[in-house]
Amino acid sequence: MNGYLISGATLVDGDSARPGSLRTAGERIAEELPPHLAAGDLADLAARHDCEMIDGRGLWLIPGGVDPHVHFALPAAGTVTADDFLSGSRAALAGGTTTVLDFVTPGRRESLVAAAAVRLAEASPAACDFGLHASVTAWRPETAAELATCARELGLRSVKLYLAYLETVGLADAVLEAALQAAAALDLTVLMHCEDGARIAARQRELLAAGERGPAAHPRSRPPVCEETAVVHALALAAQTECRPYLVHLSTAGAIGAVKTARARGRTVYAETCPQYLLLDESLYAGDFAAAAPYVMSPPLRSFAHRGALRAALADGVIDVVATDHCAFNLAGQKELGRDDFTRIPGGAAGVEQRLTLLYTLGVATGLLAPAAWVRLVSTRPAQIFGLYPRKGSLAAGADADLVLWDPAATWTIRARDAHGRSDHSIYEGRPVRGRPVRVWSRGETVFADGRLQAAAGRGRFLRG
């Protein structure tokens, strides 16, 4: 068999939704076929090209999801994320995401080039295709040259900078500008984690000194103003250095307002949010430790007002990408490390498997988003922004046959026990949802069908931007 012919589906890409059929050949999409072809003609075509016929009637065919913000095998807070590249990538495939972008995060005295080599080895078991963003965690005399080497020799076309976590990976203003200038000179997209690190650290000390040690103190230590002022500052620096900023995991109305203002001034700014900020709220921190600790993440969950502003920005096209910031830690043995000190709770949650379904339920099923807008947010735009389009995020002939046959009518309930990752809980536990993958192809190979993963370790490929 040389490929597949998926007939009678609704083809949905980032531009439109239309009836039709699609044929693959080997690892690539061969052609889109018009909707008026008779069943006999389709069968003849499949036989001529040695294709397996797939009945897509009543289903949607979309390009595989691209999640540009995941953290697999990440050391943090004295532990390592529950999902490594194998388990995380398999969970991604089960949810319809066929490409992920992770990070190279060197120690402050470690060569970025050496750290990239180590990270590529760690990523080698991945079951889906993957790329890497460089992270600059310190600015040394040789850092600019190392960044240039990663761009030239490894094809890394993006870099992440932190305005928070100043004690570990964040950059103070004195060196942040130099890093942005180097990124601009290399034409790198700059992912920016925008929280006021100094203000957060001071607030954490105040809360601990006052005896507030549980998870409920986490959102109080990182109030909305910490994000909003950092976003304004980051955008000013980006304009000054003429770099191209991509603001990760935005969670506040003020941040959205700053993005709109910058764009009104003619600046290129990419905005990302995550399902948790669109669906959950800060009331979840009110429970006991076991109930609240799963929601410790940075930035924290916000109020209904901020959530509403994000949803409006989603509908208005202000948000470019919905990623996950997938950073899974188990409650047992990991989140529990901070039982007596909220600053020691490893921050993050799983989500890469549920992303497409969650946004479909919130957006398409309610009428907030058109089907094509949904695909843009989860596939097409991240592929475009990070230099992977049209190889990824497209249904065009010649693109990789990363495809998802989607059942828009499926209804189900999210349960941690049913997920394919290693997290022992889900922040979406018990949530009823709509839509799910029926079949997933990665580069023309069936990797998920009828609820079963068929993705071998190491089949994923490293993508150069």
Protein backbone atom coordinates (compact mmCIF):
# COMPACT_ATOMS: atom_id res chain seq x y z
CA MET A 1 0.00 0.00 0.00
CA ASN A 2 1.36 3.39 -1.06
CA GLY A 3 -1.08 5.71 0.67
CA TYR A 4 -4.65 6.50 1.65
CA LEU A 5 -7.67 7.96 -0.05
CA ILE A 6 -9.99 9.58 2.51
CA SER A 7 -13.33 10.15 0.81
CA GLY A 8 -16.43 12.14 1.59
CA ALA A 9 -15.07 14.10 4.56
CA THR A 10 -15.38 17.79 5.25
CA LEU A 11 -11.88 19.17 4.66
CA VAL A 12 -11.03 21.89 7.17
CA ASP A 13 -7.80 23.86 7.08
CA GLY A 14 -6.88 27.33 8.27
CA ASP A 15 -8.66 28.94 5.32
CA SER A 16 -11.98 27.15 4.87
CA ALA A 17 -14.22 24.15 5.40
CA ARG A 18 -15.41 22.36 2.25
CA PRO A 19 -16.54 18.93 1.09
CA GLY A 20 -14.03 16.78 -0.71
CA SER A 21 -11.64 13.88 -0.61
CA LEU A 22 -7.89 13.72 -0.16
CA ARG A 23 -5.21 11.29 -1.31
CA THR A 24 -1.81 10.68 0.28
CA ALA A 25 1.27 9.08 -1.25
CA GLY A 26 4.01 7.87 1.04
CA GLU A 27 4.72 10.59 3.61
CA ARG A 28 3.06 13.44 1.72
CA ILE A 29 -0.35 14.71 0.66
CA ALA A 30 -0.71 13.96 -3.03
CA GLU A 31 -3.86 15.84 -3.98
CA GLU A 32 -7.20 17.19 -2.89
CA LEU A 33 -10.05 15.71 -4.93
CA PRO A 34 -13.29 17.48 -5.81
CA PRO A 35 -16.48 16.51 -3.97
CA HIS A 36 -18.42 15.46 -7.08
CA LEU A 37 -16.36 12.36 -7.92
CA ALA A 38 -18.47 9.21 -7.98
CA ALA A 39 -17.72 6.34 -5.62
CA GLY A 40 -16.59 4.19 -8.53
CA ASP A 41 -14.16 6.81 -9.75
CA LEU A 42 -12.71 7.16 -6.27
CA ALA A 43 -12.29 3.40 -6.00
CA ASP A 44 -10.55 3.27 -9.39
CA LEU A 45 -8.24 6.08 -8.34
CA ALA A 46 -7.38 4.32 -5.09
CA ALA A 47 -6.64 1.09 -6.93
CA ARG A 48 -4.47 2.87 -9.50
CA HIS A 49 -2.37 4.48 -6.79
CA ASP A 50 -2.39 1.49 -4.43
CA CYS A 51 -4.28 3.38 -1.72
CA GLU A 52 -6.37 2.16 1.18
CA MET A 53 -9.85 3.67 1.05
CA ILE A 54 -11.06 5.43 4.22
CA ASP A 55 -14.71 6.47 4.53
CA GLY A 56 -14.80 10.01 5.88
CA ARG A 57 -18.52 10.65 5.61
CA GLY A 58 -19.82 12.60 8.60
CA LEU A 59 -16.26 13.37 9.71
CA TRP A 60 -13.80 16.25 9.30
CA LEU A 61 -10.29 15.92 7.93
CA ILE A 62 -7.89 18.49 9.38
CA PRO A 63 -4.11 18.99 9.40
CA GLY A 64 -2.42 17.56 12.47
CA GLY A 65 -2.14 19.90 15.41
CA VAL A 66 1.06 21.84 16.11
CA ASP A 67 1.68 22.59 19.79
CA PRO A 68 4.57 25.06 19.95
CA HIS A 69 4.85 25.12 23.74
CA VAL A 70 5.47 21.87 25.62
CA HIS A 71 7.90 20.80 28.33
CA PHE A 72 8.89 17.13 28.26
CA ALA A 73 11.64 15.67 30.45
CA LEU A 74 12.08 19.04 32.17
CA PRO A 75 13.98 19.21 35.48
CA ALA A 76 12.25 21.64 37.81
CA ALA A 77 11.79 22.20 41.55
CA GLY A 78 13.94 19.23 42.47
CA THR A 79 12.15 16.75 40.22
CA VAL A 80 11.54 16.00 36.53
CA THR A 81 8.26 16.22 34.65
CA ALA A 82 6.18 13.06 34.59
CA ASP A 83 6.13 13.00 30.78
CA ASP A 84 9.31 12.44 28.82
CA PHE A 85 9.52 12.78 25.04
CA LEU A 86 8.06 9.32 24.43
CA SER A 87 5.05 9.49 26.73
CA GLY A 88 4.39 13.16 25.96
CA SER A 89 4.59 12.69 22.20
CA ARG A 90 2.34 9.65 22.31
CA ALA A 91 -0.23 11.62 24.30
CA ALA A 92 0.01 14.38 21.70
CA LEU A 93 -0.69 11.95 18.86
CA ALA A 94 -3.67 10.44 20.68
CA GLY A 95 -5.20 13.90 20.85
CA GLY A 96 -4.54 14.84 17.24
CA THR A 97 -1.33 16.84 17.68
CA THR A 98 1.36 15.56 15.32
CA THR A 99 4.09 18.17 15.92
CA VAL A 100 5.40 19.64 19.18
CA LEU A 101 8.03 22.26 19.96
CA ASP A 102 10.01 21.91 23.18
CA PHE A 103 12.97 23.83 24.60
CA VAL A 104 16.71 23.73 25.07
CA THR A 105 17.23 25.20 28.55
CA PRO A 106 20.90 25.28 29.53
CA GLY A 107 22.24 25.89 32.99
CA ARG A 108 23.57 29.39 33.49
CA ARG A 109 27.16 28.30 33.00
CA GLU A 110 26.41 25.73 30.32
CA SER A 111 27.04 26.17 26.61
CA LEU A 112 23.82 26.53 24.64
CA VAL A 113 25.31 24.43 21.85
CA ALA A 114 26.23 21.62 24.25
CA ALA A 115 22.81 21.79 25.89
CA ALA A 116 21.17 21.50 22.46
CA ALA A 117 23.10 18.32 21.72
CA VAL A 118 21.99 16.83 25.04
CA ARG A 119 18.39 17.85 24.40
CA LEU A 120 18.35 16.26 20.95
CA ALA A 121 19.51 12.99 22.52
CA GLU A 122 16.78 13.24 25.18
CA ALA A 123 14.21 13.85 22.44
CA SER A 124 15.28 10.91 20.26
CA PRO A 125 12.54 8.54 21.59
CA ALA A 126 9.78 10.92 20.44
CA ALA A 127 6.93 9.30 18.53
CA CYS A 128 5.84 12.50 16.79
CA ASP A 129 7.82 15.12 14.90
CA PHE A 130 9.36 17.79 17.10
CA GLY A 131 11.29 21.02 17.05
CA LEU A 132 13.19 22.96 19.67
CA HIS A 133 13.36 26.57 20.81
CA ALA A 134 16.64 27.80 22.27
CA SER A 135 16.44 29.37 25.73
CA VAL A 136 18.91 31.97 26.92
CA THR A 137 19.24 31.73 30.70
CA ALA A 138 22.37 33.86 31.13
CA TRP A 139 24.23 36.38 29.01
CA ARG A 140 27.91 35.59 28.76
CA PRO A 141 30.47 36.95 26.25
CA GLU A 142 30.06 33.82 24.12
CA THR A 143 26.25 33.55 24.23
CA ALA A 144 25.60 35.48 21.01
CA ALA A 145 27.95 33.20 19.09
CA GLU A 146 26.34 30.10 20.61
CA LEU A 147 22.91 31.34 19.59
CA ALA A 148 24.17 31.93 16.06
CA THR A 149 25.60 28.39 15.94
CA CYS A 150 22.27 26.90 17.03
CA ALA A 151 20.49 28.88 14.33
CA ARG A 152 22.98 28.07 11.59
CA GLU A 153 23.85 24.44 12.32
CA LEU A 154 20.70 23.12 14.03
CA GLY A 155 18.10 25.32 12.35
CA LEU A 156 16.71 26.67 15.62
CA ARG A 157 14.73 29.73 14.55
CA SER A 158 13.35 30.88 17.89
CA VAL A 159 14.59 31.74 21.34
CA LYS A 160 12.85 31.96 24.70
CA LEU A 161 13.60 34.63 27.30
CA TYR A 162 12.19 34.78 30.84
CA LEU A 163 11.37 37.99 32.69
CA ALA A 164 10.45 35.83 35.71
CA TYR A 165 12.46 33.23 37.68
CA LEU A 166 15.36 35.66 38.02
CA GLU A 167 17.13 33.32 40.43
CA THR A 168 17.34 30.46 37.90
CA VAL A 169 16.59 31.13 34.21
CA GLY A 170 15.33 34.72 34.05
CA LEU A 171 17.29 37.67 32.66
CA ALA A 172 17.55 41.01 34.39
CA ASP A 173 17.04 44.14 32.30
CA ALA A 174 20.77 44.78 32.17
CA VAL A 175 21.26 41.80 29.85
CA LEU A 176 17.76 41.28 28.46
CA GLU A 177 18.27 44.02 25.89
CA ALA A 178 21.49 42.42 24.65
CA ALA A 179 19.72 39.10 24.18
CA LEU A 180 16.91 40.76 22.24
CA GLN A 181 19.39 42.56 20.00
CA ALA A 182 21.15 39.27 19.23
CA ALA A 183 17.83 37.61 18.42
CA ALA A 184 16.88 40.47 16.10
CA ALA A 185 20.22 40.24 14.30
CA LEU A 186 19.62 36.52 13.70
CA ASP A 187 15.95 37.08 12.72
CA LEU A 188 14.75 34.80 15.51
CA THR A 189 11.22 34.81 16.86
CA VAL A 190 11.48 35.63 20.57
CA LEU A 191 9.22 33.76 22.98
CA MET A 192 8.81 35.87 26.10
CA HIS A 193 7.59 34.70 29.49
CA CYS A 194 6.21 37.96 30.84
CA GLU A 195 5.94 38.16 34.61
CA ASP A 196 7.64 40.68 36.88
CA GLY A 197 10.15 38.40 38.56
CA ALA A 198 11.37 40.86 41.18
CA ARG A 199 7.85 41.77 42.30
CA ILE A 200 6.86 38.09 42.48
CA ALA A 201 9.90 37.17 44.57
CA ALA A 202 9.18 39.99 47.03
CA ARG A 203 5.53 39.00 47.28
CA GLN A 204 6.44 35.34 47.88
CA ARG A 205 8.67 36.34 50.78
CA GLU A 206 5.91 38.47 52.29
CA LEU A 207 3.34 35.68 52.08
CA LEU A 208 5.65 33.07 53.58
CA ALA A 209 6.60 35.42 56.39
CA ALA A 210 2.89 35.91 57.12
CA GLY A 211 2.44 32.13 57.39
CA GLU A 212 0.59 31.72 54.10
CA ARG A 213 2.19 28.55 52.80
CA GLY A 214 -0.55 26.66 50.93
CA PRO A 215 -1.49 26.68 47.23
CA ALA A 216 -3.99 29.51 47.76
CA ALA A 217 -1.03 31.85 48.19
CA HIS A 218 0.27 31.06 44.69
CA PRO A 219 -2.13 33.32 42.72
CA ARG A 220 -1.74 36.03 45.36
CA SER A 221 2.01 35.99 44.78
CA ARG A 222 1.56 36.51 41.04
CA PRO A 223 -1.34 38.99 40.65
CA PRO A 224 -2.44 40.16 37.19
CA VAL A 225 -0.35 43.32 37.43
CA CYS A 226 2.81 41.17 37.40
CA GLU A 227 1.94 39.92 33.94
CA GLU A 228 0.51 43.15 32.61
CA THR A 229 3.46 45.38 33.51
CA ALA A 230 5.91 42.78 32.22
CA VAL A 231 4.08 42.55 28.89
CA VAL A 232 4.18 46.33 28.46
CA HIS A 233 7.87 46.33 29.33
CA ALA A 234 8.66 43.42 27.02
CA LEU A 235 6.85 45.04 24.10
CA ALA A 236 8.73 48.29 24.65
CA LEU A 237 12.04 46.45 24.59
CA ALA A 238 10.97 44.50 21.51
CA ALA A 239 10.15 47.72 19.70
CA GLN A 240 13.44 49.28 20.76
CA THR A 241 15.49 46.31 19.54
CA GLU A 242 13.29 45.60 16.51
CA CYS A 243 12.85 41.95 17.40
CA ARG A 244 9.77 39.83 16.74
CA PRO A 245 8.05 38.93 20.05
CA TYR A 246 5.82 35.94 20.74
CA LEU A 247 4.15 36.33 24.13
CA VAL A 248 3.55 32.97 25.75
CA HIS A 249 0.61 31.84 27.91
CA LEU A 250 -1.15 35.19 28.26
CA SER A 251 -3.75 35.15 31.04
CA THR A 252 -4.96 38.71 31.63
CA ALA A 253 -7.10 41.39 30.05
CA GLY A 254 -4.32 43.94 30.48
CA ALA A 255 -1.89 41.81 28.48
CA ILE A 256 -4.43 41.55 25.65
CA GLY A 257 -4.86 45.32 25.72
CA ALA A 258 -1.10 45.82 25.45
CA VAL A 259 -0.96 43.51 22.43
CA LYS A 260 -3.72 45.48 20.72
CA THR A 261 -1.95 48.77 21.42
CA ALA A 262 1.35 47.50 20.01
CA ARG A 263 -0.32 46.23 16.87
CA ALA A 264 -2.16 49.53 16.42
CA ARG A 265 1.30 51.11 16.30
CA GLY A 266 2.26 48.80 13.45
CA ARG A 267 4.33 46.31 15.40
CA THR A 268 4.41 42.56 14.82
CA VAL A 269 3.38 40.79 18.02
CA TYR A 270 2.29 37.16 18.33
CA ALA A 271 -0.03 36.26 21.20
CA GLU A 272 -0.48 32.81 22.73
CA THR A 273 -2.83 31.56 25.41
CA CYS A 274 -3.66 28.10 26.75
CA PRO A 275 -6.87 26.13 27.40
CA GLN A 276 -6.51 26.44 31.16
CA TYR A 277 -6.82 30.23 31.00
CA LEU A 278 -9.85 30.00 28.73
CA LEU A 279 -11.68 27.36 30.77
CA LEU A 280 -10.62 27.43 34.44
CA ASP A 281 -10.59 30.15 37.10
CA GLU A 282 -8.93 31.09 40.36
CA SER A 283 -11.69 29.65 42.56
CA LEU A 284 -9.94 26.28 42.14
CA TYR A 285 -7.24 27.38 44.58
CA ALA A 286 -9.74 27.46 47.45
CA GLY A 287 -9.65 23.74 48.27
CA ASP A 288 -7.26 21.72 50.41
CA PHE A 289 -3.75 20.93 49.22
CA ALA A 290 -4.66 17.88 47.12
CA ALA A 291 -7.50 19.76 45.43
CA ALA A 292 -5.62 23.01 44.80
CA ALA A 293 -2.02 21.95 44.09
CA PRO A 294 -2.76 20.57 40.59
CA TYR A 295 -3.61 24.12 39.50
CA VAL A 296 -0.31 25.65 40.58
CA MET A 297 1.14 26.93 37.32
CA SER A 298 2.66 30.18 36.15
CA PRO A 299 0.95 32.41 35.41
CA PRO A 300 -1.84 31.24 37.73
CA LEU A 301 -5.50 30.88 36.87
CA ARG A 302 -7.37 34.18 36.88
CA SER A 303 -10.80 35.61 37.58
CA PHE A 304 -13.88 35.25 35.39
CA ALA A 305 -13.31 38.78 34.07
CA HIS A 306 -9.87 37.93 32.71
CA ARG A 307 -11.15 34.65 31.32
CA GLY A 308 -13.91 36.53 29.50
CA ALA A 309 -11.41 38.97 28.00
CA LEU A 310 -9.34 36.07 26.68
CA ARG A 311 -12.38 34.45 25.11
CA ALA A 312 -13.29 37.73 23.42
CA ALA A 313 -9.73 38.05 22.12
CA LEU A 314 -9.96 34.52 20.78
CA ALA A 315 -13.15 35.30 18.88
CA ASP A 316 -11.76 38.61 17.59
CA GLY A 317 -8.57 37.05 16.23
CA VAL A 318 -6.26 38.82 18.69
CA ILE A 319 -4.92 35.47 19.90
CA ASP A 320 -2.72 33.77 17.30
CA VAL A 321 -2.12 30.41 18.95
CA VAL A 322 -3.66 28.19 21.61
CA ALA A 323 -0.81 26.05 22.96
CA THR A 324 -0.71 24.06 26.19
CA ASP A 325 2.49 24.81 28.12
CA HIS A 326 2.23 21.06 28.85
CA CYS A 327 4.35 20.55 31.96
CA ALA A 328 3.04 17.51 33.80
CA PHE A 329 3.87 16.78 37.43
CA ASN A 330 2.20 14.08 39.47
CA LEU A 331 0.46 15.04 42.68
CA ALA A 332 2.00 12.05 44.47
CA GLY A 333 5.72 12.54 45.00
CA GLN A 334 6.01 15.74 42.95
CA LYS A 335 3.42 18.43 43.68
CA GLU A 336 3.58 17.15 47.26
CA LEU A 337 7.14 18.47 47.52
CA GLY A 338 5.63 21.86 48.24
CA ARG A 339 3.05 20.82 50.80
CA ASP A 340 4.56 23.19 53.38
CA ASP A 341 5.76 25.89 50.98
CA PHE A 342 3.77 26.87 47.90
CA THR A 343 6.91 28.19 46.17
CA ARG A 344 8.25 24.62 46.08
CA ILE A 345 5.23 23.13 44.32
CA PRO A 346 6.38 22.21 40.79
CA GLY A 347 4.36 24.46 38.51
CA GLY A 348 2.51 23.11 35.50
CA ALA A 349 -0.08 20.65 34.29
CA ALA A 350 -0.73 18.15 31.51
CA GLY A 351 -2.82 19.17 28.51
CA VAL A 352 -1.24 18.22 25.19
CA GLU A 353 -3.68 15.36 24.61
CA GLN A 354 -6.83 17.36 25.29
CA ARG A 355 -5.98 20.63 23.52
CA LEU A 356 -7.88 20.13 20.25
CA THR A 357 -10.96 18.76 22.00
CA LEU A 358 -11.04 21.49 24.64
CA LEU A 359 -10.83 24.30 22.10
CA TYR A 360 -13.30 22.60 19.78
CA THR A 361 -15.78 22.29 22.68
CA LEU A 362 -15.32 25.89 23.80
CA GLY A 363 -15.04 27.41 20.34
CA VAL A 364 -16.63 25.49 17.50
CA ALA A 365 -19.37 23.65 19.40
CA THR A 366 -20.62 26.94 20.89
CA GLY A 367 -20.30 29.02 17.74
CA LEU A 368 -17.53 31.20 19.19
CA LEU A 369 -15.14 30.01 16.46
CA ALA A 370 -15.61 28.91 12.88
CA PRO A 371 -14.04 25.52 12.08
CA ALA A 372 -11.26 27.17 10.04
CA ALA A 373 -10.46 29.54 12.92
CA TRP A 374 -10.11 26.56 15.26
CA VAL A 375 -7.63 24.91 12.87
CA ARG A 376 -5.68 28.15 12.53
CA LEU A 377 -5.26 28.40 16.30
CA VAL A 378 -4.12 24.82 16.89
CA SER A 379 -2.24 24.06 13.68
CA THR A 380 -1.82 26.56 10.87
CA ARG A 381 -0.67 29.68 12.73
CA PRO A 382 1.90 27.98 14.95
CA ALA A 383 3.30 26.25 11.86
CA GLN A 384 3.52 29.60 10.06
CA ILE A 385 5.01 31.54 12.95
CA PHE A 386 7.76 28.98 13.60
CA GLY A 387 8.74 28.34 9.99
CA LEU A 388 7.12 24.93 9.51
CA TYR A 389 4.38 25.93 7.07
CA PRO A 390 3.28 24.63 4.56
CA ARG A 391 5.06 21.38 5.43
CA LYS A 392 2.98 21.33 8.64
CA GLY A 393 -0.43 22.86 9.34
CA SER A 394 -1.71 22.45 5.77
CA LEU A 395 -3.83 20.18 3.58
CA ALA A 396 -2.03 21.30 0.42
CA ALA A 397 -0.42 18.88 -2.00
CA GLY A 398 3.20 18.34 -1.01
CA ALA A 399 2.63 18.93 2.70
CA ASP A 400 3.46 16.19 5.17
CA ALA A 401 0.52 13.81 5.50
CA ASP A 402 -0.07 14.80 9.12
CA LEU A 403 -3.81 14.34 9.23
CA VAL A 404 -6.60 13.93 11.75
CA LEU A 405 -9.96 12.38 10.92
CA TRP A 406 -12.16 14.18 13.44
CA ASP A 407 -15.58 13.20 14.73
CA PRO A 408 -17.35 16.51 15.45
CA ALA A 409 -20.35 14.77 17.02
CA ALA A 410 -18.50 12.64 19.57
CA THR A 411 -19.29 13.35 23.21
CA TRP A 412 -17.16 12.09 26.08
CA THR A 413 -15.77 12.96 29.50
CA ILE A 414 -12.13 13.66 30.29
CA ARG A 415 -10.68 11.22 32.82
CA ALA A 416 -7.02 10.99 33.86
CA ARG A 417 -7.23 7.22 33.80
CA ASP A 418 -8.02 7.27 30.08
CA ALA A 419 -5.16 9.58 29.07
CA HIS A 420 -1.96 8.40 27.38
CA GLY A 421 0.44 10.56 29.37
CA ARG A 422 1.89 9.75 32.79
CA SER A 423 0.21 12.37 34.95
CA ASP A 424 -1.74 10.89 37.87
CA HIS A 425 -4.46 13.55 37.58
CA SER A 426 -6.06 15.92 35.09
CA ILE A 427 -6.95 19.55 35.70
CA TYR A 428 -9.93 18.86 33.40
CA GLU A 429 -11.13 15.76 35.29
CA GLY A 430 -14.83 15.09 34.75
CA ARG A 431 -15.28 17.78 32.11
CA PRO A 432 -17.77 16.80 29.37
CA VAL A 433 -16.42 17.60 25.91
CA ARG A 434 -17.29 17.38 22.22
CA GLY A 435 -15.24 16.11 19.29
CA ARG A 436 -12.30 13.73 19.17
CA PRO A 437 -9.89 12.05 16.74
CA VAL A 438 -11.03 8.86 15.04
CA ARG A 439 -7.76 8.34 13.21
CA VAL A 440 -4.44 10.17 13.16
CA TRP A 441 -1.68 9.99 10.54
CA SER A 442 1.85 11.28 10.99
CA ARG A 443 3.78 11.60 7.73
CA GLY A 444 1.35 9.20 6.10
CA GLU A 445 1.59 6.53 8.80
CA THR A 446 -1.40 5.61 10.94
CA VAL A 447 -0.35 6.32 14.52
CA PHE A 448 -3.74 6.30 16.23
CA ALA A 449 -6.95 4.52 15.24
CA ASP A 450 -10.06 3.33 17.04
CA GLY A 451 -8.73 4.44 20.41
CA ARG A 452 -5.39 2.63 20.06
CA LEU A 453 -1.94 4.15 19.68
CA GLN A 454 0.30 2.60 17.04
CA ALA A 455 3.24 4.98 17.32
CA ALA A 456 6.66 3.46 17.82
CA ALA A 457 9.34 5.07 19.94
CA GLY A 458 11.84 7.08 17.93
CA ARG A 459 9.71 7.50 14.81
CA GLY A 460 9.47 11.25 15.32
CA ARG A 461 11.80 13.50 13.33
CA PHE A 462 13.61 16.61 14.41
CA LEU A 463 12.36 19.61 12.43
CA ARG A 464 14.71 22.37 11.45
CA GLY A 465 12.94 25.72 11.20
